[in-house]
Amino acid sequence: MSALPTASRAAVLRKFKEPLAIEEVPIPAEIEPGAALVRIEACSICGTDVHLWQGSLSLKVNLPVIIGHEMVGRVMTVGSGVDRDSVGNELRVGNRILYTHTACGKCYFCTTARKPTLCDNRRAYMYENMERYPYLLGGFSEYGYVMPDAGRIRVPDGVSSELASLSSCALRSVMNALSQVGAIEPSDVVVIQGAGPLGLLAAANVRVRGACKVIVIGSPASRLQLAAEFGADLCIPVDTTTPAERLEQVLAVTSGRGADIVMEFTGVPAAFTEGLQLARKGGRYLVVGQLGEGKFEFQPSLIVKKNLTIFGSFSGDARSYSLALEFINAQQHNFPFEKMITGRYKLDDVNVAMERMKNFQEIKPVILV
């Protein structure tokens, strides 16, 4: 520990909508049992980072915070009792890891419900005050603190830190969501709402799982072109079509029935109502993108008359992180994941990267610390 600096440069948000400031944040002098300190190598930017920065999330944020939650870190030192990751791999100083938000393992949702992402005592990176121990609970930082109750997954040697960072939120959210929606049959037509990082990764997953046809609805055209490379059979531009026209196209390729499964990854409230229309009778609707405070009216009777099954999926646990790394390790030569990394920035340029993400000029920029 003596060889480490006493402070870490980090991007701090003190007031919503204001630029992030690069500040010196203390490095904890002591590492708790079960915890670890990592040197962050990469942290990609998520749409949630932008929403938090703008103050539009429907989640509690205890300012000031270090933004960023898609980080890959190299283990520098560990507390007592740390010798394995969350899936049993040997873990040593020098290994790269992804690390999860915490789950206590003792509450109703961790045990009886078996939904650790809903833990009553959950602590989440980039939401907690950086002026309190252990300080380094965000990804846009030179160093990061892995809390004792956080899961941690060792990154395979064959996966770059950039792609591992991509796996740590976007892909793990997709893996968690698909684990809940159930099996995808060879006869299933799947509609994916959204051509952002989650939508693209969902298209690849659905293709690998054997869907009959994959349809992606989104914009701009450049992202739809990429969606085709990620497995989409049909790409429908949302900016030059109406909801009625999009429904017509889906009905045309499903013998008038509608999609067997619809997946929402847009974050646009109006997309929810459209998704109900796109699903066939008896279909499944998976909702992942709706974390903002926006509202939109819809007709509840559609759910009843069509006998729809609706799933909400939030975040992902250690299993989802592990599945994400396994998927990207196995499929990185079959899909152009590198094309999703559209910009590489230094920590000092974090505000440029955030503005570009806010203005949809980037798919997945990454901060290389």
Protein backbone atom coordinates (compact mmCIF):
# COMPACT_ATOMS: atom_id res chain seq x y z
CA MET A 1 0.00 0.00 0.00
CA SER A 2 2.98 2.32 0.67
CA ALA A 3 3.84 2.36 -3.05
CA LEU A 4 0.42 3.74 -3.97
CA PRO A 5 -0.39 7.45 -4.13
CA THR A 6 -2.59 9.01 -1.46
CA ALA A 7 -5.05 10.50 -3.96
CA SER A 8 -6.69 9.61 -7.25
CA ARG A 9 -7.62 12.05 -10.01
CA ALA A 10 -11.32 11.62 -10.73
CA ALA A 11 -14.19 13.32 -12.60
CA VAL A 12 -16.57 14.70 -9.96
CA LEU A 13 -20.13 15.95 -10.41
CA ARG A 14 -21.14 18.49 -7.77
CA LYS A 15 -24.22 19.98 -9.43
CA PHE A 16 -26.51 18.48 -12.07
CA LYS A 17 -25.93 19.73 -15.63
CA GLU A 18 -22.64 21.41 -14.75
CA PRO A 19 -19.32 20.22 -16.24
CA LEU A 20 -17.45 17.50 -14.39
CA ALA A 21 -14.39 18.72 -12.48
CA ILE A 22 -11.16 16.73 -12.26
CA GLU A 23 -10.40 16.59 -8.54
CA GLU A 24 -7.96 14.84 -6.20
CA VAL A 25 -9.97 12.24 -4.28
CA PRO A 26 -8.46 10.35 -1.31
CA ILE A 27 -7.35 6.74 -1.75
CA PRO A 28 -8.43 4.79 1.36
CA ALA A 29 -5.51 4.16 3.71
CA GLU A 30 -7.01 0.81 4.70
CA ILE A 31 -8.75 -1.85 2.63
CA GLU A 32 -11.61 -3.63 4.39
CA PRO A 33 -11.77 -7.44 4.55
CA GLY A 34 -13.30 -8.66 1.31
CA ALA A 35 -12.61 -5.37 -0.50
CA ALA A 36 -10.02 -4.44 -3.12
CA LEU A 37 -8.34 -1.43 -4.69
CA VAL A 38 -7.94 -1.37 -8.46
CA ARG A 39 -6.15 0.80 -10.99
CA ILE A 40 -8.86 1.61 -13.52
CA GLU A 41 -7.79 0.93 -17.10
CA ALA A 42 -10.98 1.77 -19.00
CA CYS A 43 -14.46 3.05 -18.28
CA SER A 44 -16.93 3.34 -21.14
CA ILE A 45 -19.72 5.90 -21.04
CA CYS A 46 -23.33 4.78 -20.68
CA GLY A 47 -26.51 6.68 -21.43
CA THR A 48 -27.27 6.38 -17.72
CA ASP A 49 -24.14 8.42 -16.98
CA VAL A 50 -25.54 11.20 -19.14
CA HIS A 51 -28.98 11.01 -17.52
CA LEU A 52 -27.40 11.16 -14.05
CA TRP A 53 -25.26 14.14 -15.10
CA GLN A 54 -28.41 15.90 -16.33
CA GLY A 55 -30.39 15.03 -13.18
CA SER A 56 -33.07 13.10 -15.07
CA LEU A 57 -32.79 9.67 -13.42
CA SER A 58 -35.55 8.29 -11.23
CA LEU A 59 -32.89 7.00 -8.81
CA LYS A 60 -31.39 8.65 -5.73
CA VAL A 61 -28.03 10.36 -6.31
CA ASN A 62 -26.05 11.60 -3.31
CA LEU A 63 -23.97 14.46 -4.75
CA PRO A 64 -21.08 15.01 -5.11
CA VAL A 65 -20.28 11.79 -6.95
CA ILE A 66 -17.67 10.32 -9.26
CA ILE A 67 -19.53 9.46 -12.46
CA GLY A 68 -18.93 6.24 -14.38
CA HIS A 69 -19.96 2.64 -13.67
CA GLU A 70 -18.63 0.57 -16.59
CA MET A 71 -15.10 0.22 -15.30
CA VAL A 72 -12.38 -2.37 -15.73
CA GLY A 73 -9.71 -2.34 -13.05
CA ARG A 74 -6.41 -4.09 -12.44
CA VAL A 75 -6.14 -5.34 -8.86
CA MET A 76 -3.52 -3.42 -6.89
CA THR A 77 -4.18 -4.65 -3.37
CA VAL A 78 -6.86 -6.68 -1.58
CA GLY A 79 -8.34 -7.00 1.87
CA SER A 80 -8.21 -10.21 3.84
CA GLY A 81 -10.21 -13.13 2.49
CA VAL A 82 -9.96 -12.16 -1.18
CA ASP A 83 -8.53 -15.03 -3.23
CA ARG A 84 -11.34 -15.94 -5.66
CA ASP A 85 -13.72 -14.04 -7.87
CA SER A 86 -17.50 -14.48 -7.72
CA VAL A 87 -17.53 -17.54 -9.97
CA GLY A 88 -14.59 -19.35 -8.36
CA ASN A 89 -11.65 -18.21 -10.49
CA GLU A 90 -8.40 -17.59 -8.65
CA LEU A 91 -7.94 -13.87 -8.10
CA ARG A 92 -4.54 -12.26 -7.61
CA VAL A 93 -2.96 -8.83 -7.57
CA GLY A 94 -2.41 -7.90 -11.23
CA ASN A 95 -5.60 -9.54 -12.56
CA ARG A 96 -8.16 -7.40 -14.39
CA ILE A 97 -11.70 -7.49 -13.04
CA LEU A 98 -15.19 -6.17 -13.56
CA TYR A 99 -17.00 -5.43 -10.32
CA THR A 100 -20.69 -5.17 -9.53
CA HIS A 101 -22.93 -3.04 -7.40
CA THR A 102 -23.38 -4.65 -3.99
CA ALA A 103 -25.97 -7.08 -2.65
CA CYS A 104 -26.13 -7.95 1.04
CA GLY A 105 -27.09 -11.61 0.58
CA LYS A 106 -29.34 -11.44 3.64
CA CYS A 107 -32.52 -9.55 2.72
CA TYR A 108 -35.75 -10.91 1.25
CA PHE A 109 -34.82 -9.98 -2.33
CA CYS A 110 -31.35 -11.53 -2.11
CA THR A 111 -32.59 -14.78 -0.56
CA THR A 112 -36.26 -15.66 -1.01
CA ALA A 113 -36.87 -13.71 -4.22
CA ARG A 114 -33.36 -14.44 -5.56
CA LYS A 115 -33.19 -11.00 -7.17
CA PRO A 116 -29.97 -9.45 -5.81
CA THR A 117 -30.30 -6.45 -8.13
CA LEU A 118 -33.33 -5.47 -6.02
CA CYS A 119 -31.44 -5.82 -2.70
CA ASP A 120 -32.85 -3.65 0.11
CA ASN A 121 -29.29 -2.74 1.13
CA ARG A 122 -27.85 -2.31 -2.37
CA ARG A 123 -25.03 0.16 -2.88
CA ALA A 124 -24.29 1.36 -6.38
CA TYR A 125 -21.20 2.87 -7.96
CA MET A 126 -21.46 6.53 -9.07
CA TYR A 127 -24.51 7.18 -6.87
CA GLU A 128 -22.72 7.54 -3.52
CA ASN A 129 -21.09 10.64 -2.07
CA MET A 130 -17.35 10.77 -2.91
CA GLU A 131 -16.54 12.80 0.21
CA ARG A 132 -17.24 9.78 2.43
CA TYR A 133 -15.17 6.63 2.89
CA PRO A 134 -14.28 4.74 0.73
CA TYR A 135 -14.45 7.73 -1.66
CA LEU A 136 -13.59 6.00 -4.95
CA LEU A 137 -17.03 4.66 -5.94
CA GLY A 138 -17.08 5.76 -9.58
CA GLY A 139 -15.43 4.81 -12.83
CA PHE A 140 -14.01 8.05 -14.23
CA SER A 141 -11.06 7.85 -11.89
CA GLU A 142 -7.49 6.62 -11.79
CA TYR A 143 -8.30 4.23 -8.94
CA GLY A 144 -11.46 2.48 -7.82
CA TYR A 145 -12.61 0.78 -4.62
CA VAL A 146 -14.31 -2.61 -4.82
CA MET A 147 -16.71 -2.80 -1.89
CA PRO A 148 -16.70 -6.00 0.21
CA ASP A 149 -20.21 -7.05 -0.85
CA ALA A 150 -19.57 -6.31 -4.54
CA GLY A 151 -19.23 -9.19 -6.97
CA ARG A 152 -16.07 -9.30 -9.02
CA ILE A 153 -15.35 -11.24 -12.19
CA ARG A 154 -11.87 -11.82 -13.60
CA VAL A 155 -11.56 -10.66 -17.21
CA PRO A 156 -10.36 -13.38 -19.64
CA ASP A 157 -6.91 -12.73 -21.07
CA GLY A 158 -8.33 -12.71 -24.61
CA VAL A 159 -10.76 -9.85 -23.95
CA SER A 160 -9.44 -6.29 -24.19
CA SER A 161 -10.14 -3.81 -21.40
CA GLU A 162 -12.28 -1.77 -23.82
CA LEU A 163 -14.54 -4.73 -24.65
CA ALA A 164 -14.60 -5.80 -21.01
CA SER A 165 -15.78 -2.31 -20.11
CA LEU A 166 -18.52 -2.63 -22.73
CA SER A 167 -19.54 -5.88 -21.03
CA SER A 168 -19.80 -4.39 -17.56
CA CYS A 169 -23.12 -2.58 -17.98
CA ALA A 170 -24.60 -2.67 -21.47
CA LEU A 171 -23.97 -6.35 -22.12
CA ARG A 172 -24.60 -7.54 -18.56
CA SER A 173 -27.96 -5.72 -18.65
CA VAL A 174 -28.82 -7.57 -21.85
CA MET A 175 -27.71 -10.92 -20.39
CA ASN A 176 -29.80 -10.34 -17.27
CA ALA A 177 -32.83 -9.33 -19.31
CA LEU A 178 -32.62 -12.32 -21.64
CA SER A 179 -32.27 -14.65 -18.67
CA GLN A 180 -35.67 -13.45 -17.52
CA VAL A 181 -37.56 -13.47 -20.82
CA GLY A 182 -37.10 -17.22 -21.31
CA ALA A 183 -36.22 -19.40 -24.27
CA ILE A 184 -36.15 -18.04 -27.80
CA GLU A 185 -37.51 -20.61 -30.23
CA PRO A 186 -36.31 -21.08 -33.83
CA SER A 187 -39.74 -19.89 -35.01
CA ASP A 188 -39.67 -16.65 -32.99
CA VAL A 189 -39.61 -13.20 -34.57
CA VAL A 190 -37.99 -10.71 -32.22
CA VAL A 191 -38.41 -6.94 -32.47
CA ILE A 192 -35.78 -4.81 -30.75
CA GLN A 193 -36.71 -1.19 -30.03
CA GLY A 194 -33.54 0.88 -30.01
CA ALA A 195 -30.26 0.78 -31.92
CA GLY A 196 -28.05 2.02 -29.11
CA PRO A 197 -25.48 -0.17 -27.34
CA LEU A 198 -28.07 -2.35 -25.60
CA GLY A 199 -30.14 -2.80 -28.74
CA LEU A 200 -27.09 -3.79 -30.81
CA LEU A 201 -25.89 -6.26 -28.18
CA ALA A 202 -29.39 -7.67 -27.84
CA ALA A 203 -29.53 -8.24 -31.60
CA ALA A 204 -26.31 -10.26 -31.45
CA ASN A 205 -27.61 -12.29 -28.50
CA VAL A 206 -30.95 -13.00 -30.10
CA ARG A 207 -29.22 -14.06 -33.32
CA VAL A 208 -26.93 -16.46 -31.43
CA ARG A 209 -29.93 -17.86 -29.52
CA GLY A 210 -31.54 -18.85 -32.82
CA ALA A 211 -34.40 -16.45 -33.49
CA CYS A 212 -36.12 -16.90 -36.86
CA LYS A 213 -35.99 -13.18 -37.65
CA VAL A 214 -34.51 -10.16 -35.87
CA ILE A 215 -36.02 -6.70 -36.47
CA VAL A 216 -34.38 -3.54 -35.10
CA ILE A 217 -36.23 -0.23 -34.89
CA GLY A 218 -34.07 2.82 -34.28
CA SER A 219 -31.95 5.65 -35.63
CA PRO A 220 -29.80 7.15 -37.08
CA ALA A 221 -29.09 5.30 -40.31
CA SER A 222 -25.47 4.62 -39.33
CA ARG A 223 -26.60 2.70 -36.26
CA LEU A 224 -29.08 0.69 -38.27
CA GLN A 225 -26.29 -0.25 -40.65
CA LEU A 226 -24.35 -1.50 -37.66
CA ALA A 227 -27.43 -3.34 -36.39
CA ALA A 228 -27.40 -5.38 -39.60
CA GLU A 229 -23.83 -6.41 -38.80
CA PHE A 230 -25.02 -7.46 -35.36
CA GLY A 231 -27.62 -9.83 -36.78
CA ALA A 232 -30.68 -7.78 -37.73
CA ASP A 233 -32.61 -9.09 -40.75
CA LEU A 234 -34.75 -5.96 -41.03
CA CYS A 235 -33.93 -2.44 -39.82
CA ILE A 236 -36.71 0.13 -39.58
CA PRO A 237 -35.77 3.81 -39.19
CA VAL A 238 -37.71 5.49 -36.43
CA ASP A 239 -36.99 9.02 -37.65
CA THR A 240 -38.61 8.65 -41.09
CA THR A 241 -41.58 6.40 -40.25
CA THR A 242 -44.72 6.67 -38.15
CA PRO A 243 -45.74 4.12 -35.50
CA ALA A 244 -48.47 2.90 -37.86
CA GLU A 245 -45.94 2.38 -40.67
CA ARG A 246 -43.59 0.49 -38.37
CA LEU A 247 -46.42 -1.74 -37.20
CA GLU A 248 -47.37 -2.41 -40.80
CA GLN A 249 -43.84 -3.55 -41.61
CA VAL A 250 -43.73 -5.89 -38.62
CA LEU A 251 -47.13 -7.35 -39.47
CA ALA A 252 -46.00 -7.87 -43.07
CA VAL A 253 -43.19 -10.22 -42.03
CA THR A 254 -45.16 -12.06 -39.34
CA SER A 255 -48.22 -13.15 -41.35
CA GLY A 256 -50.21 -10.37 -39.70
CA ARG A 257 -49.63 -11.65 -36.16
CA GLY A 258 -46.98 -9.32 -34.75
CA ALA A 259 -43.70 -10.18 -33.04
CA ASP A 260 -43.38 -13.15 -30.71
CA ILE A 261 -41.05 -11.13 -28.48
CA VAL A 262 -40.56 -7.35 -28.30
CA MET A 263 -37.60 -5.87 -26.41
CA GLU A 264 -37.46 -2.20 -25.42
CA PHE A 265 -34.04 -0.57 -25.04
CA THR A 266 -34.83 3.03 -26.00
CA GLY A 267 -35.57 4.88 -22.77
CA VAL A 268 -38.30 6.78 -24.66
CA PRO A 269 -41.63 6.49 -22.77
CA ALA A 270 -43.70 6.50 -25.99
CA ALA A 271 -41.86 3.38 -27.13
CA PHE A 272 -43.65 1.36 -24.45
CA THR A 273 -47.08 1.91 -26.00
CA GLU A 274 -45.71 1.12 -29.43
CA GLY A 275 -44.18 -2.10 -28.14
CA LEU A 276 -47.57 -3.27 -26.89
CA GLN A 277 -48.89 -2.81 -30.42
CA LEU A 278 -45.97 -4.64 -32.06
CA ALA A 279 -46.32 -7.78 -29.94
CA ARG A 280 -48.58 -10.59 -31.15
CA LYS A 281 -51.41 -12.03 -29.07
CA GLY A 282 -49.85 -14.12 -26.34
CA GLY A 283 -46.48 -12.49 -26.95
CA ARG A 284 -43.78 -11.39 -24.56
CA TYR A 285 -42.64 -7.81 -23.96
CA LEU A 286 -39.30 -7.14 -22.26
CA VAL A 287 -38.81 -3.58 -20.94
CA VAL A 288 -35.26 -2.53 -20.03
CA GLY A 289 -34.66 1.07 -21.11
CA GLN A 290 -37.19 2.95 -18.98
CA LEU A 291 -35.17 4.44 -16.11
CA GLY A 292 -36.05 8.10 -16.66
CA GLU A 293 -38.84 10.12 -15.11
CA GLY A 294 -40.80 10.57 -18.33
CA LYS A 295 -44.46 9.54 -18.58
CA PHE A 296 -46.76 8.48 -21.40
CA GLU A 297 -50.40 7.39 -21.51
CA PHE A 298 -51.28 3.92 -22.71
CA GLN A 299 -54.30 1.66 -22.88
CA PRO A 300 -54.02 -1.11 -20.23
CA SER A 301 -56.72 -3.19 -21.93
CA LEU A 302 -54.19 -3.98 -24.69
CA ILE A 303 -52.27 -6.11 -22.21
CA VAL A 304 -55.41 -8.03 -21.27
CA LYS A 305 -56.93 -8.41 -24.73
CA LYS A 306 -53.64 -9.59 -26.21
CA ASN A 307 -52.81 -11.76 -23.17
CA LEU A 308 -49.31 -10.28 -23.06
CA THR A 309 -46.56 -11.20 -20.64
CA ILE A 310 -44.51 -8.15 -19.65
CA PHE A 311 -41.08 -8.33 -18.05
CA GLY A 312 -39.15 -5.50 -16.45
CA SER A 313 -35.42 -6.00 -16.07
CA PHE A 314 -33.10 -3.88 -13.95
CA SER A 315 -29.30 -3.94 -13.97
CA GLY A 316 -27.56 -7.31 -13.53
CA ASP A 317 -25.89 -9.43 -10.87
CA ALA A 318 -22.50 -11.17 -10.83
CA ARG A 319 -23.89 -14.01 -12.93
CA SER A 320 -24.87 -11.51 -15.64
CA TYR A 321 -21.38 -10.00 -15.65
CA SER A 322 -19.86 -13.46 -16.00
CA LEU A 323 -22.23 -14.38 -18.84
CA ALA A 324 -21.42 -11.08 -20.57
CA LEU A 325 -17.69 -11.77 -20.49
CA GLU A 326 -18.23 -15.33 -21.69
CA PHE A 327 -20.41 -14.12 -24.55
CA ILE A 328 -17.99 -11.46 -25.75
CA ASN A 329 -15.03 -13.82 -25.38
CA ALA A 330 -16.76 -16.47 -27.49
CA GLN A 331 -18.36 -14.16 -30.06
CA GLN A 332 -15.83 -11.34 -30.53
CA HIS A 333 -14.80 -12.73 -33.91
CA ASN A 334 -18.40 -13.14 -35.08
CA PHE A 335 -19.66 -9.61 -34.40
CA PRO A 336 -17.89 -6.23 -34.79
CA PHE A 337 -17.94 -5.23 -31.13
CA GLU A 338 -14.97 -2.92 -31.71
CA LYS A 339 -17.13 -0.75 -33.97
CA MET A 340 -19.26 0.14 -30.96
CA ILE A 341 -16.25 1.85 -29.37
CA THR A 342 -16.56 5.09 -31.31
CA GLY A 343 -14.24 7.34 -29.34
CA ARG A 344 -11.30 7.04 -26.96
CA TYR A 345 -10.70 9.87 -24.49
CA LYS A 346 -8.34 10.77 -21.68
CA LEU A 347 -9.73 11.56 -18.24
CA ASP A 348 -9.10 15.26 -18.80
CA ASP A 349 -11.37 15.16 -21.86
CA VAL A 350 -14.30 13.55 -20.07
CA ASN A 351 -16.62 16.55 -20.61
CA VAL A 352 -16.05 16.41 -24.37
CA ALA A 353 -16.93 12.71 -24.35
CA MET A 354 -20.03 13.27 -22.22
CA GLU A 355 -21.29 16.07 -24.46
CA ARG A 356 -20.80 13.93 -27.54
CA MET A 357 -22.67 11.05 -25.89
CA LYS A 358 -25.46 13.44 -24.89
CA ASN A 359 -25.77 14.63 -28.50
CA PHE A 360 -25.84 11.07 -29.90
CA GLN A 361 -22.52 11.59 -31.67
CA GLU A 362 -21.10 8.47 -30.05
CA ILE A 363 -22.32 4.92 -29.60
CA LYS A 364 -19.95 3.93 -26.84
CA PRO A 365 -17.05 6.26 -26.03
CA VAL A 366 -14.48 5.05 -23.51
CA ILE A 367 -12.32 6.88 -21.00
CA LEU A 368 -8.83 5.35 -20.96
CA VAL A 369 -7.28 6.29 -17.64
